[in-house]
């Protein structure tokens, strides 16, 4: 990636979640700069590193199928910002003993999180091709994937940031299903 494609100055320190959201938004608004990063097949969620230095990592992710789902995960020691550049995703936050808190995030919108967040993202059903820009500080090295296993307990599986996130174990009842009034009442604005 050409550094001139990065909006604003190259980060020279660790960034806070709101700053990461602004960085992701700036990259997302420069479609000509990140379009060449894409090119996965329809059966896979494709992702590519867009920018990396010692303080920040930026990734472009293309979601082509409604079934594309990260499962619940954390970002280890990194906080982050996500901007939806095209399409829409469903962003869900894990709640123990209750339905997850979920919201639809459309193109032009985004969210940020601190290093303690556990969440799940999937393409919003029927949204069509979706592209998201993810900015992490410090750069993402590890993630933890969560799921309920056969023993009924919640387990965390450590993974490398290079490994594609997918649901592991039972993920509970997703929010935002068509005709699901309970999920609609349980979403964030």
N, C-alpha and C. Protein backbone atom coordinates (compact mmCIF):
# COMPACT_ATOMS: atom_id res chain seq x y z
N UNK A 1 0.84 -1.18 0.00
CA UNK A 1 0.00 0.00 0.00
C UNK A 1 0.88 1.23 0.00
N UNK A 2 0.52 2.21 -0.81
CA UNK A 2 1.22 3.49 -0.89
C UNK A 2 0.80 4.33 0.32
N UNK A 3 1.77 4.81 1.10
CA UNK A 3 1.44 5.58 2.30
C UNK A 3 0.63 6.83 1.98
N UNK A 4 0.72 7.33 0.75
CA UNK A 4 -0.08 8.50 0.39
C UNK A 4 -1.57 8.17 0.36
N UNK A 5 -1.91 6.87 0.36
CA UNK A 5 -3.32 6.46 0.38
C UNK A 5 -3.91 6.48 1.78
N UNK A 6 -3.07 6.63 2.79
CA UNK A 6 -3.54 6.69 4.17
C UNK A 6 -4.00 8.12 4.45
N UNK A 7 -5.25 8.31 4.89
CA UNK A 7 -5.71 9.67 5.17
C UNK A 7 -4.99 10.26 6.38
N UNK A 8 -4.53 11.46 6.25
CA UNK A 8 -3.85 12.11 7.36
C UNK A 8 -2.44 11.61 7.55
N UNK A 9 -1.80 12.06 8.63
CA UNK A 9 -0.41 11.65 8.88
C UNK A 9 -0.33 10.17 9.28
N UNK A 10 0.80 9.56 9.02
CA UNK A 10 1.04 8.18 9.43
C UNK A 10 1.10 8.15 10.96
N UNK A 11 0.31 7.27 11.60
CA UNK A 11 0.31 7.22 13.07
C UNK A 11 1.70 6.95 13.64
N UNK A 12 2.07 7.76 14.65
CA UNK A 12 3.37 7.60 15.30
C UNK A 12 3.22 7.33 16.79
N UNK A 13 2.03 6.86 17.16
CA UNK A 13 1.73 6.50 18.55
C UNK A 13 0.53 5.56 18.54
N UNK A 14 0.26 4.91 19.67
CA UNK A 14 -0.94 4.08 19.78
C UNK A 14 -2.17 4.98 19.74
N UNK A 15 -3.21 4.53 19.07
CA UNK A 15 -4.43 5.32 18.93
C UNK A 15 -5.54 4.78 19.83
N UNK A 16 -6.44 5.67 20.22
CA UNK A 16 -7.61 5.33 21.02
C UNK A 16 -8.74 4.85 20.09
N UNK A 17 -9.75 4.15 20.63
CA UNK A 17 -10.82 3.62 19.78
C UNK A 17 -11.48 4.65 18.85
N UNK A 18 -11.82 5.83 19.34
CA UNK A 18 -12.46 6.84 18.48
C UNK A 18 -11.52 7.28 17.34
N UNK A 19 -10.24 7.38 17.64
CA UNK A 19 -9.28 7.74 16.59
C UNK A 19 -9.18 6.63 15.55
N UNK A 20 -9.28 5.40 15.99
CA UNK A 20 -9.24 4.27 15.06
C UNK A 20 -10.47 4.25 14.16
N UNK A 21 -11.63 4.59 14.73
CA UNK A 21 -12.83 4.68 13.91
C UNK A 21 -12.67 5.76 12.84
N UNK A 22 -12.11 6.89 13.20
CA UNK A 22 -11.90 7.96 12.23
C UNK A 22 -10.90 7.54 11.14
N UNK A 23 -9.86 6.82 11.53
CA UNK A 23 -8.90 6.32 10.56
C UNK A 23 -9.58 5.33 9.61
N UNK A 24 -10.36 4.39 10.17
CA UNK A 24 -11.07 3.41 9.34
C UNK A 24 -12.04 4.12 8.39
N UNK A 25 -12.73 5.15 8.88
CA UNK A 25 -13.66 5.91 8.04
C UNK A 25 -12.90 6.60 6.91
N UNK A 26 -11.77 7.22 7.22
CA UNK A 26 -10.98 7.90 6.20
C UNK A 26 -10.51 6.95 5.11
N UNK A 27 -10.04 5.77 5.51
CA UNK A 27 -9.63 4.77 4.52
C UNK A 27 -10.84 4.30 3.72
N UNK A 28 -11.95 4.03 4.41
CA UNK A 28 -13.15 3.56 3.75
C UNK A 28 -13.69 4.51 2.70
N UNK A 29 -13.49 5.79 2.92
CA UNK A 29 -13.98 6.80 1.97
C UNK A 29 -13.08 6.92 0.74
N UNK A 30 -11.94 6.24 0.75
CA UNK A 30 -11.01 6.28 -0.39
C UNK A 30 -11.07 4.95 -1.15
N UNK A 31 -12.22 4.64 -1.72
CA UNK A 31 -12.44 3.34 -2.36
C UNK A 31 -11.40 3.02 -3.43
N UNK A 32 -10.98 4.01 -4.20
CA UNK A 32 -9.98 3.75 -5.24
C UNK A 32 -8.68 3.21 -4.65
N UNK A 33 -8.36 3.60 -3.42
CA UNK A 33 -7.11 3.17 -2.79
C UNK A 33 -7.17 1.73 -2.30
N UNK A 34 -8.33 1.27 -1.80
CA UNK A 34 -8.41 -0.08 -1.24
C UNK A 34 -9.05 -1.09 -2.17
N UNK A 35 -9.69 -0.66 -3.23
CA UNK A 35 -10.39 -1.58 -4.14
C UNK A 35 -9.47 -2.70 -4.64
N UNK A 36 -8.21 -2.39 -4.91
CA UNK A 36 -7.28 -3.39 -5.45
C UNK A 36 -6.94 -4.47 -4.42
N UNK A 37 -7.21 -4.22 -3.14
CA UNK A 37 -6.94 -5.22 -2.10
C UNK A 37 -7.93 -6.38 -2.16
N UNK A 38 -9.10 -6.15 -2.77
CA UNK A 38 -10.16 -7.15 -2.77
C UNK A 38 -9.96 -8.15 -3.89
N UNK A 39 -10.74 -9.20 -3.87
CA UNK A 39 -10.66 -10.17 -4.95
C UNK A 39 -10.81 -11.60 -4.50
N UNK A 40 -11.44 -11.81 -3.35
CA UNK A 40 -11.65 -13.17 -2.88
C UNK A 40 -12.76 -13.85 -3.67
N UNK A 41 -12.94 -15.12 -3.41
CA UNK A 41 -13.99 -15.87 -4.08
C UNK A 41 -15.28 -15.75 -3.29
N UNK A 42 -16.39 -16.06 -3.92
CA UNK A 42 -17.71 -15.90 -3.29
C UNK A 42 -17.89 -16.80 -2.08
N UNK A 43 -17.19 -17.94 -2.02
CA UNK A 43 -17.36 -18.87 -0.91
C UNK A 43 -16.56 -18.46 0.33
N UNK A 44 -15.65 -17.54 0.20
CA UNK A 44 -14.80 -17.16 1.33
C UNK A 44 -14.96 -15.68 1.65
N UNK A 45 -14.85 -15.36 2.93
CA UNK A 45 -14.74 -13.96 3.33
C UNK A 45 -13.28 -13.63 3.11
N UNK A 46 -13.01 -12.62 2.30
CA UNK A 46 -11.61 -12.30 2.01
C UNK A 46 -11.17 -11.08 2.80
N UNK A 47 -9.90 -11.05 3.13
CA UNK A 47 -9.35 -9.93 3.89
C UNK A 47 -7.93 -9.69 3.46
N UNK A 48 -7.50 -8.44 3.60
CA UNK A 48 -6.14 -8.08 3.21
C UNK A 48 -5.63 -6.98 4.13
N UNK A 49 -4.36 -7.06 4.45
CA UNK A 49 -3.71 -6.01 5.22
C UNK A 49 -3.54 -4.80 4.30
N UNK A 50 -3.95 -3.64 4.77
CA UNK A 50 -3.89 -2.41 3.99
C UNK A 50 -2.74 -1.51 4.44
N UNK A 51 -2.51 -1.47 5.76
CA UNK A 51 -1.44 -0.64 6.32
C UNK A 51 -0.99 -1.28 7.62
N UNK A 52 0.31 -1.21 7.88
CA UNK A 52 0.85 -1.74 9.12
C UNK A 52 2.11 -0.97 9.50
N UNK A 53 2.14 -0.48 10.73
CA UNK A 53 3.38 -0.01 11.33
C UNK A 53 3.37 -0.48 12.78
N UNK A 54 4.28 -0.01 13.62
CA UNK A 54 4.35 -0.51 14.98
C UNK A 54 3.19 -0.07 15.87
N UNK A 55 2.40 0.91 15.41
CA UNK A 55 1.31 1.46 16.22
C UNK A 55 -0.09 1.07 15.75
N UNK A 56 -0.25 0.87 14.44
CA UNK A 56 -1.59 0.68 13.87
C UNK A 56 -1.54 -0.35 12.75
N UNK A 57 -2.60 -1.15 12.66
CA UNK A 57 -2.80 -2.05 11.52
C UNK A 57 -4.18 -1.80 10.94
N UNK A 58 -4.29 -1.75 9.62
CA UNK A 58 -5.58 -1.53 8.96
C UNK A 58 -5.82 -2.70 8.00
N UNK A 59 -7.01 -3.26 8.07
CA UNK A 59 -7.41 -4.39 7.24
C UNK A 59 -8.66 -4.03 6.45
N UNK A 60 -8.77 -4.59 5.25
CA UNK A 60 -9.97 -4.48 4.42
C UNK A 60 -10.59 -5.88 4.37
N UNK A 61 -11.89 -5.98 4.66
CA UNK A 61 -12.57 -7.28 4.66
C UNK A 61 -13.77 -7.20 3.71
N UNK A 62 -13.89 -8.21 2.86
CA UNK A 62 -15.01 -8.30 1.93
C UNK A 62 -15.89 -9.48 2.34
N UNK A 63 -17.17 -9.20 2.53
CA UNK A 63 -18.17 -10.18 2.96
C UNK A 63 -19.08 -10.42 1.76
N UNK A 64 -19.02 -11.58 1.12
CA UNK A 64 -19.79 -11.83 -0.10
C UNK A 64 -21.04 -12.65 0.11
N UNK A 65 -21.12 -13.38 1.19
CA UNK A 65 -22.25 -14.28 1.43
C UNK A 65 -22.90 -13.95 2.77
N UNK A 66 -24.23 -14.17 2.83
CA UNK A 66 -24.93 -13.95 4.10
C UNK A 66 -24.37 -14.83 5.20
N UNK A 67 -23.83 -15.98 4.87
CA UNK A 67 -23.31 -16.92 5.86
C UNK A 67 -21.96 -16.50 6.43
N UNK A 68 -21.33 -15.48 5.89
CA UNK A 68 -20.03 -15.05 6.41
C UNK A 68 -20.21 -14.49 7.82
N UNK A 69 -19.48 -15.06 8.78
CA UNK A 69 -19.70 -14.81 10.20
C UNK A 69 -18.37 -15.00 10.91
N UNK A 70 -18.00 -14.06 11.78
CA UNK A 70 -16.75 -14.19 12.52
C UNK A 70 -16.89 -15.08 13.75
N UNK A 71 -18.12 -15.28 14.24
CA UNK A 71 -18.29 -15.89 15.55
C UNK A 71 -17.84 -14.89 16.61
N UNK A 72 -18.13 -15.20 17.87
CA UNK A 72 -17.71 -14.29 18.94
C UNK A 72 -16.20 -14.36 19.12
N UNK A 73 -15.59 -13.19 19.24
CA UNK A 73 -14.13 -13.11 19.37
C UNK A 73 -13.72 -11.84 20.10
N UNK A 74 -12.48 -11.84 20.56
CA UNK A 74 -11.87 -10.63 21.11
C UNK A 74 -10.64 -10.30 20.27
N UNK A 75 -9.98 -9.20 20.60
CA UNK A 75 -8.80 -8.77 19.85
C UNK A 75 -7.56 -8.72 20.74
N UNK A 76 -7.56 -9.59 21.76
CA UNK A 76 -6.44 -9.72 22.67
C UNK A 76 -6.09 -8.36 23.27
N UNK A 77 -4.98 -7.77 22.93
CA UNK A 77 -4.55 -6.51 23.55
C UNK A 77 -4.85 -5.29 22.69
N UNK A 78 -5.55 -5.47 21.56
CA UNK A 78 -5.80 -4.36 20.62
C UNK A 78 -7.20 -3.80 20.80
N UNK A 79 -7.33 -2.48 20.66
CA UNK A 79 -8.63 -1.85 20.54
C UNK A 79 -8.84 -1.59 19.05
N UNK A 80 -10.05 -1.20 18.66
CA UNK A 80 -10.28 -1.08 17.23
C UNK A 80 -11.41 -0.16 16.84
N UNK A 81 -11.46 0.11 15.54
CA UNK A 81 -12.53 0.87 14.92
C UNK A 81 -12.89 0.19 13.61
N UNK A 82 -14.19 0.09 13.32
CA UNK A 82 -14.67 -0.56 12.10
C UNK A 82 -15.59 0.40 11.37
N UNK A 83 -15.35 0.57 10.08
CA UNK A 83 -16.19 1.40 9.21
C UNK A 83 -16.75 0.52 8.10
N UNK A 84 -18.06 0.62 7.86
CA UNK A 84 -18.68 -0.11 6.76
C UNK A 84 -18.62 0.77 5.52
N UNK A 85 -17.82 0.36 4.55
CA UNK A 85 -17.63 1.13 3.32
C UNK A 85 -18.68 0.81 2.27
N UNK A 86 -19.22 -0.40 2.32
CA UNK A 86 -20.22 -0.84 1.34
C UNK A 86 -21.09 -1.91 1.98
N UNK A 87 -22.39 -1.92 1.71
CA UNK A 87 -23.28 -2.96 2.23
C UNK A 87 -23.67 -2.72 3.67
N UNK A 88 -23.81 -3.80 4.44
CA UNK A 88 -24.20 -3.71 5.85
C UNK A 88 -23.76 -4.97 6.58
N UNK A 89 -23.40 -4.80 7.85
CA UNK A 89 -23.09 -5.94 8.70
C UNK A 89 -24.00 -5.91 9.92
N UNK A 90 -24.07 -7.04 10.59
CA UNK A 90 -24.73 -7.15 11.88
C UNK A 90 -23.62 -7.24 12.92
N UNK A 91 -23.64 -6.33 13.90
CA UNK A 91 -22.64 -6.30 14.97
C UNK A 91 -23.33 -6.73 16.25
N UNK A 92 -22.83 -7.80 16.87
CA UNK A 92 -23.43 -8.33 18.08
C UNK A 92 -22.42 -8.35 19.22
N UNK A 93 -22.89 -7.95 20.40
CA UNK A 93 -22.07 -7.99 21.61
C UNK A 93 -22.59 -9.12 22.50
N UNK A 94 -21.69 -9.93 22.99
CA UNK A 94 -22.03 -11.07 23.82
C UNK A 94 -22.54 -10.64 25.19
N UNK A 95 -23.65 -11.26 25.61
CA UNK A 95 -24.16 -11.08 26.97
C UNK A 95 -24.42 -12.47 27.53
N UNK A 96 -23.89 -12.75 28.69
CA UNK A 96 -24.09 -14.06 29.30
C UNK A 96 -25.49 -14.15 29.90
N UNK A 97 -26.16 -15.26 29.65
CA UNK A 97 -27.48 -15.50 30.21
C UNK A 97 -28.61 -14.76 29.53
N UNK A 98 -28.32 -14.00 28.48
CA UNK A 98 -29.33 -13.24 27.76
C UNK A 98 -29.00 -13.25 26.27
N UNK A 99 -29.96 -12.77 25.48
CA UNK A 99 -29.69 -12.62 24.05
C UNK A 99 -28.58 -11.60 23.86
N UNK A 100 -27.80 -11.76 22.80
CA UNK A 100 -26.78 -10.74 22.51
C UNK A 100 -27.43 -9.40 22.16
N UNK A 101 -26.68 -8.34 22.31
CA UNK A 101 -27.12 -7.03 21.87
C UNK A 101 -26.62 -6.88 20.43
N UNK A 102 -27.55 -6.68 19.49
CA UNK A 102 -27.15 -6.61 18.10
C UNK A 102 -27.71 -5.40 17.40
N UNK A 103 -26.98 -4.93 16.41
CA UNK A 103 -27.44 -3.80 15.61
C UNK A 103 -26.94 -3.94 14.19
N UNK A 104 -27.71 -3.43 13.26
CA UNK A 104 -27.32 -3.36 11.86
C UNK A 104 -26.45 -2.12 11.70
N UNK A 105 -25.34 -2.28 10.98
CA UNK A 105 -24.44 -1.16 10.71
C UNK A 105 -24.35 -1.02 9.19
N UNK A 106 -24.88 0.08 8.68
CA UNK A 106 -24.95 0.31 7.23
C UNK A 106 -23.73 1.05 6.71
N UNK A 107 -23.58 1.05 5.39
CA UNK A 107 -22.49 1.78 4.73
C UNK A 107 -22.49 3.22 5.21
N UNK A 108 -21.30 3.72 5.51
CA UNK A 108 -21.14 5.08 6.02
C UNK A 108 -21.11 5.16 7.53
N UNK A 109 -21.49 4.08 8.22
CA UNK A 109 -21.48 4.05 9.68
C UNK A 109 -20.39 3.12 10.18
N UNK A 110 -20.19 3.11 11.49
CA UNK A 110 -19.17 2.24 12.07
C UNK A 110 -19.30 2.20 13.58
N UNK A 111 -18.33 1.59 14.21
CA UNK A 111 -18.30 1.48 15.67
C UNK A 111 -16.86 1.28 16.09
N UNK A 112 -16.61 1.47 17.38
CA UNK A 112 -15.27 1.25 17.91
C UNK A 112 -15.41 0.48 19.22
N UNK A 113 -14.29 -0.07 19.68
CA UNK A 113 -14.30 -0.90 20.88
C UNK A 113 -12.94 -0.85 21.56
N UNK A 114 -12.96 -1.10 22.88
CA UNK A 114 -11.71 -1.16 23.62
C UNK A 114 -11.19 -2.60 23.61
N UNK A 115 -10.07 -2.83 24.27
CA UNK A 115 -9.43 -4.15 24.20
C UNK A 115 -10.16 -5.21 25.01
N UNK A 116 -11.20 -4.85 25.76
CA UNK A 116 -11.94 -5.84 26.55
C UNK A 116 -13.16 -6.39 25.82
N UNK A 117 -13.50 -5.84 24.67
CA UNK A 117 -14.74 -6.20 23.97
C UNK A 117 -14.72 -7.62 23.40
N UNK A 118 -15.87 -8.29 23.53
CA UNK A 118 -16.11 -9.56 22.86
C UNK A 118 -17.31 -9.32 21.96
N UNK A 119 -17.13 -9.55 20.67
CA UNK A 119 -18.22 -9.28 19.73
C UNK A 119 -18.19 -10.25 18.57
N UNK A 120 -19.19 -10.13 17.72
CA UNK A 120 -19.36 -10.98 16.54
C UNK A 120 -19.83 -10.08 15.41
N UNK A 121 -19.36 -10.36 14.21
CA UNK A 121 -19.82 -9.64 13.03
C UNK A 121 -20.19 -10.64 11.95
N UNK A 122 -21.23 -10.33 11.22
CA UNK A 122 -21.62 -11.14 10.08
C UNK A 122 -22.29 -10.23 9.08
N UNK A 123 -22.32 -10.66 7.83
CA UNK A 123 -22.98 -9.83 6.84
C UNK A 123 -24.48 -9.83 7.12
N UNK A 124 -25.06 -8.66 7.06
CA UNK A 124 -26.50 -8.53 7.25
C UNK A 124 -27.20 -9.26 6.11
N UNK A 125 -28.11 -10.19 6.42
CA UNK A 125 -28.77 -10.94 5.35
C UNK A 125 -29.41 -10.02 4.31
N UNK A 126 -29.12 -10.31 3.05
CA UNK A 126 -29.68 -9.55 1.94
C UNK A 126 -28.98 -8.24 1.65
N UNK A 127 -27.89 -7.94 2.34
CA UNK A 127 -27.22 -6.64 2.17
C UNK A 127 -26.40 -6.56 0.89
N UNK A 128 -26.15 -7.68 0.25
CA UNK A 128 -25.31 -7.67 -0.95
C UNK A 128 -23.84 -7.58 -0.57
N UNK A 129 -22.97 -7.45 -1.57
CA UNK A 129 -21.53 -7.39 -1.27
C UNK A 129 -21.23 -6.28 -0.26
N UNK A 130 -20.49 -6.65 0.76
CA UNK A 130 -20.20 -5.74 1.87
C UNK A 130 -18.69 -5.65 2.07
N UNK A 131 -18.22 -4.44 2.33
CA UNK A 131 -16.80 -4.21 2.59
C UNK A 131 -16.68 -3.41 3.88
N UNK A 132 -15.81 -3.87 4.77
CA UNK A 132 -15.55 -3.16 6.02
C UNK A 132 -14.06 -2.86 6.13
N UNK A 133 -13.75 -1.76 6.80
CA UNK A 133 -12.37 -1.35 7.06
C UNK A 133 -12.17 -1.42 8.58
N UNK A 134 -11.12 -2.14 9.01
CA UNK A 134 -10.85 -2.36 10.42
C UNK A 134 -9.49 -1.77 10.76
N UNK A 135 -9.43 -0.93 11.78
CA UNK A 135 -8.17 -0.34 12.24
C UNK A 135 -7.94 -0.78 13.68
N UNK A 136 -6.73 -1.28 13.98
CA UNK A 136 -6.39 -1.79 15.30
C UNK A 136 -5.14 -1.12 15.84
N UNK A 137 -5.13 -0.88 17.17
CA UNK A 137 -3.94 -0.33 17.81
C UNK A 137 -3.84 -0.94 19.21
N UNK A 138 -2.72 -1.54 19.57
CA UNK A 138 -1.61 -1.85 18.66
C UNK A 138 -2.08 -2.80 17.56
N UNK A 139 -1.24 -2.99 16.52
CA UNK A 139 -1.65 -3.87 15.42
C UNK A 139 -2.07 -5.25 15.95
N UNK A 140 -3.08 -5.79 15.32
CA UNK A 140 -3.64 -7.08 15.73
C UNK A 140 -2.63 -8.20 15.53
N UNK A 141 -2.33 -8.94 16.59
CA UNK A 141 -1.45 -10.10 16.50
C UNK A 141 -2.17 -11.38 16.84
N UNK A 142 -3.09 -11.30 17.82
CA UNK A 142 -3.83 -12.48 18.27
C UNK A 142 -5.29 -12.13 18.48
N UNK A 143 -6.13 -13.12 18.36
CA UNK A 143 -7.54 -13.00 18.71
C UNK A 143 -7.90 -14.18 19.60
N UNK A 144 -9.04 -14.10 20.22
CA UNK A 144 -9.59 -15.23 20.97
C UNK A 144 -10.98 -15.50 20.43
N UNK A 145 -11.27 -16.74 20.08
CA UNK A 145 -12.59 -17.11 19.57
C UNK A 145 -13.36 -17.80 20.68
N UNK A 146 -14.65 -17.45 20.81
CA UNK A 146 -15.49 -17.95 21.90
C UNK A 146 -16.64 -18.80 21.37
N UNK A 147 -17.02 -19.79 22.15
CA UNK A 147 -18.18 -20.60 21.84
C UNK A 147 -18.49 -21.53 22.98
N UNK A 148 -19.75 -21.96 23.02
CA UNK A 148 -20.17 -22.93 24.03
C UNK A 148 -19.85 -24.31 23.48
N UNK A 149 -19.09 -25.06 24.23
CA UNK A 149 -18.68 -26.38 23.78
C UNK A 149 -19.57 -27.46 24.37
N UNK A 150 -19.28 -28.71 24.05
CA UNK A 150 -20.12 -29.84 24.48
C UNK A 150 -20.31 -29.91 25.98
N UNK A 151 -19.36 -29.40 26.74
CA UNK A 151 -19.47 -29.44 28.19
C UNK A 151 -20.40 -28.35 28.73
N UNK A 152 -20.95 -27.49 27.83
CA UNK A 152 -21.86 -26.43 28.23
C UNK A 152 -21.17 -25.17 28.70
N UNK A 153 -19.86 -25.18 28.77
CA UNK A 153 -19.10 -24.03 29.23
C UNK A 153 -18.63 -23.17 28.06
N UNK A 154 -18.46 -21.89 28.34
CA UNK A 154 -17.90 -20.97 27.36
C UNK A 154 -16.39 -21.17 27.31
N UNK A 155 -15.86 -21.38 26.12
CA UNK A 155 -14.42 -21.58 25.95
C UNK A 155 -13.85 -20.50 25.06
N UNK A 156 -12.59 -20.14 25.31
CA UNK A 156 -11.83 -19.21 24.46
C UNK A 156 -10.73 -19.99 23.78
N UNK A 157 -10.65 -19.88 22.45
CA UNK A 157 -9.62 -20.54 21.68
C UNK A 157 -8.70 -19.46 21.12
N UNK A 158 -7.43 -19.41 21.57
CA UNK A 158 -6.49 -18.40 21.05
C UNK A 158 -6.16 -18.68 19.58
N UNK A 159 -6.11 -17.63 18.77
CA UNK A 159 -5.79 -17.77 17.36
C UNK A 159 -4.88 -16.62 16.92
N UNK A 160 -4.17 -16.85 15.85
CA UNK A 160 -3.32 -15.81 15.24
C UNK A 160 -4.22 -14.86 14.46
N UNK A 161 -3.79 -13.61 14.33
CA UNK A 161 -4.56 -12.64 13.55
C UNK A 161 -4.60 -13.01 12.07
N UNK A 162 -3.69 -13.86 11.64
CA UNK A 162 -3.66 -14.29 10.24
C UNK A 162 -4.72 -15.35 9.94
N UNK A 163 -5.29 -15.94 10.99
CA UNK A 163 -6.29 -16.99 10.82
C UNK A 163 -7.67 -16.37 10.65
N UNK A 164 -8.41 -16.86 9.67
CA UNK A 164 -9.77 -16.36 9.42
C UNK A 164 -10.68 -16.72 10.59
N UNK A 165 -11.41 -15.73 11.10
CA UNK A 165 -12.33 -15.98 12.19
C UNK A 165 -13.60 -16.64 11.67
N UNK A 166 -14.04 -17.68 12.38
CA UNK A 166 -15.26 -18.40 12.06
C UNK A 166 -15.90 -18.84 13.36
N UNK A 167 -17.21 -19.02 13.38
CA UNK A 167 -17.84 -19.48 14.61
C UNK A 167 -17.20 -20.78 15.11
N UNK A 168 -16.99 -20.86 16.41
CA UNK A 168 -16.45 -22.07 17.02
C UNK A 168 -17.38 -22.44 18.17
N UNK A 169 -17.89 -23.65 18.18
CA UNK A 169 -18.85 -24.06 19.20
C UNK A 169 -20.18 -23.35 19.01
N UNK A 170 -21.12 -23.60 19.90
CA UNK A 170 -22.45 -22.97 19.82
C UNK A 170 -22.33 -21.47 20.07
N UNK A 171 -22.98 -20.66 19.24
CA UNK A 171 -22.88 -19.20 19.32
C UNK A 171 -24.13 -18.55 19.90
N UNK A 172 -25.10 -19.33 20.35
CA UNK A 172 -26.32 -18.74 20.87
C UNK A 172 -27.26 -18.32 19.76
N UNK A 173 -28.30 -17.59 20.10
CA UNK A 173 -29.30 -17.15 19.14
C UNK A 173 -28.90 -15.79 18.58
N UNK A 174 -28.65 -15.70 17.26
CA UNK A 174 -28.27 -14.41 16.69
C UNK A 174 -29.42 -13.41 16.69
N UNK A 175 -29.11 -12.16 16.68
CA UNK A 175 -30.12 -11.11 16.61
C UNK A 175 -30.41 -10.78 15.16
N UNK A 176 -31.52 -10.06 14.95
CA UNK A 176 -31.80 -9.49 13.64
C UNK A 176 -32.35 -10.43 12.61
N UNK A 177 -32.86 -11.59 12.99
CA UNK A 177 -33.47 -12.48 12.02
C UNK A 177 -34.82 -11.92 11.60
N UNK A 178 -35.18 -12.11 10.36
CA UNK A 178 -36.45 -11.61 9.83
C UNK A 178 -37.59 -12.14 10.68
N UNK A 179 -38.48 -11.25 11.10
CA UNK A 179 -39.64 -11.63 11.89
C UNK A 179 -39.33 -11.88 13.36
N UNK A 180 -38.17 -11.50 13.82
CA UNK A 180 -37.76 -11.73 15.19
C UNK A 180 -37.97 -10.46 16.00
N UNK A 181 -39.17 -10.26 16.53
CA UNK A 181 -39.51 -9.04 17.25
C UNK A 181 -38.67 -8.89 18.51
N UNK A 182 -38.36 -9.99 19.19
CA UNK A 182 -37.56 -9.92 20.40
C UNK A 182 -36.17 -9.37 20.08
N UNK A 183 -35.62 -9.79 18.96
CA UNK A 183 -34.29 -9.29 18.58
C UNK A 183 -34.36 -7.79 18.25
N UNK A 184 -35.43 -7.37 17.61
CA UNK A 184 -35.56 -5.96 17.28
C UNK A 184 -35.65 -5.08 18.52
N UNK A 185 -36.32 -5.57 19.58
CA UNK A 185 -36.41 -4.80 20.82
C UNK A 185 -35.07 -4.77 21.55
N UNK A 186 -34.21 -5.73 21.24
CA UNK A 186 -32.97 -5.90 21.98
C UNK A 186 -31.77 -5.31 21.25
N UNK A 187 -32.00 -4.49 20.26
CA UNK A 187 -30.88 -3.92 19.51
C UNK A 187 -30.57 -2.52 19.96
N UNK A 188 -29.38 -2.10 19.67
CA UNK A 188 -28.96 -0.72 19.97
C UNK A 188 -29.40 0.17 18.83
N UNK A 189 -29.64 1.46 19.06
CA UNK A 189 -30.01 2.36 17.97
C UNK A 189 -28.88 2.55 17.00
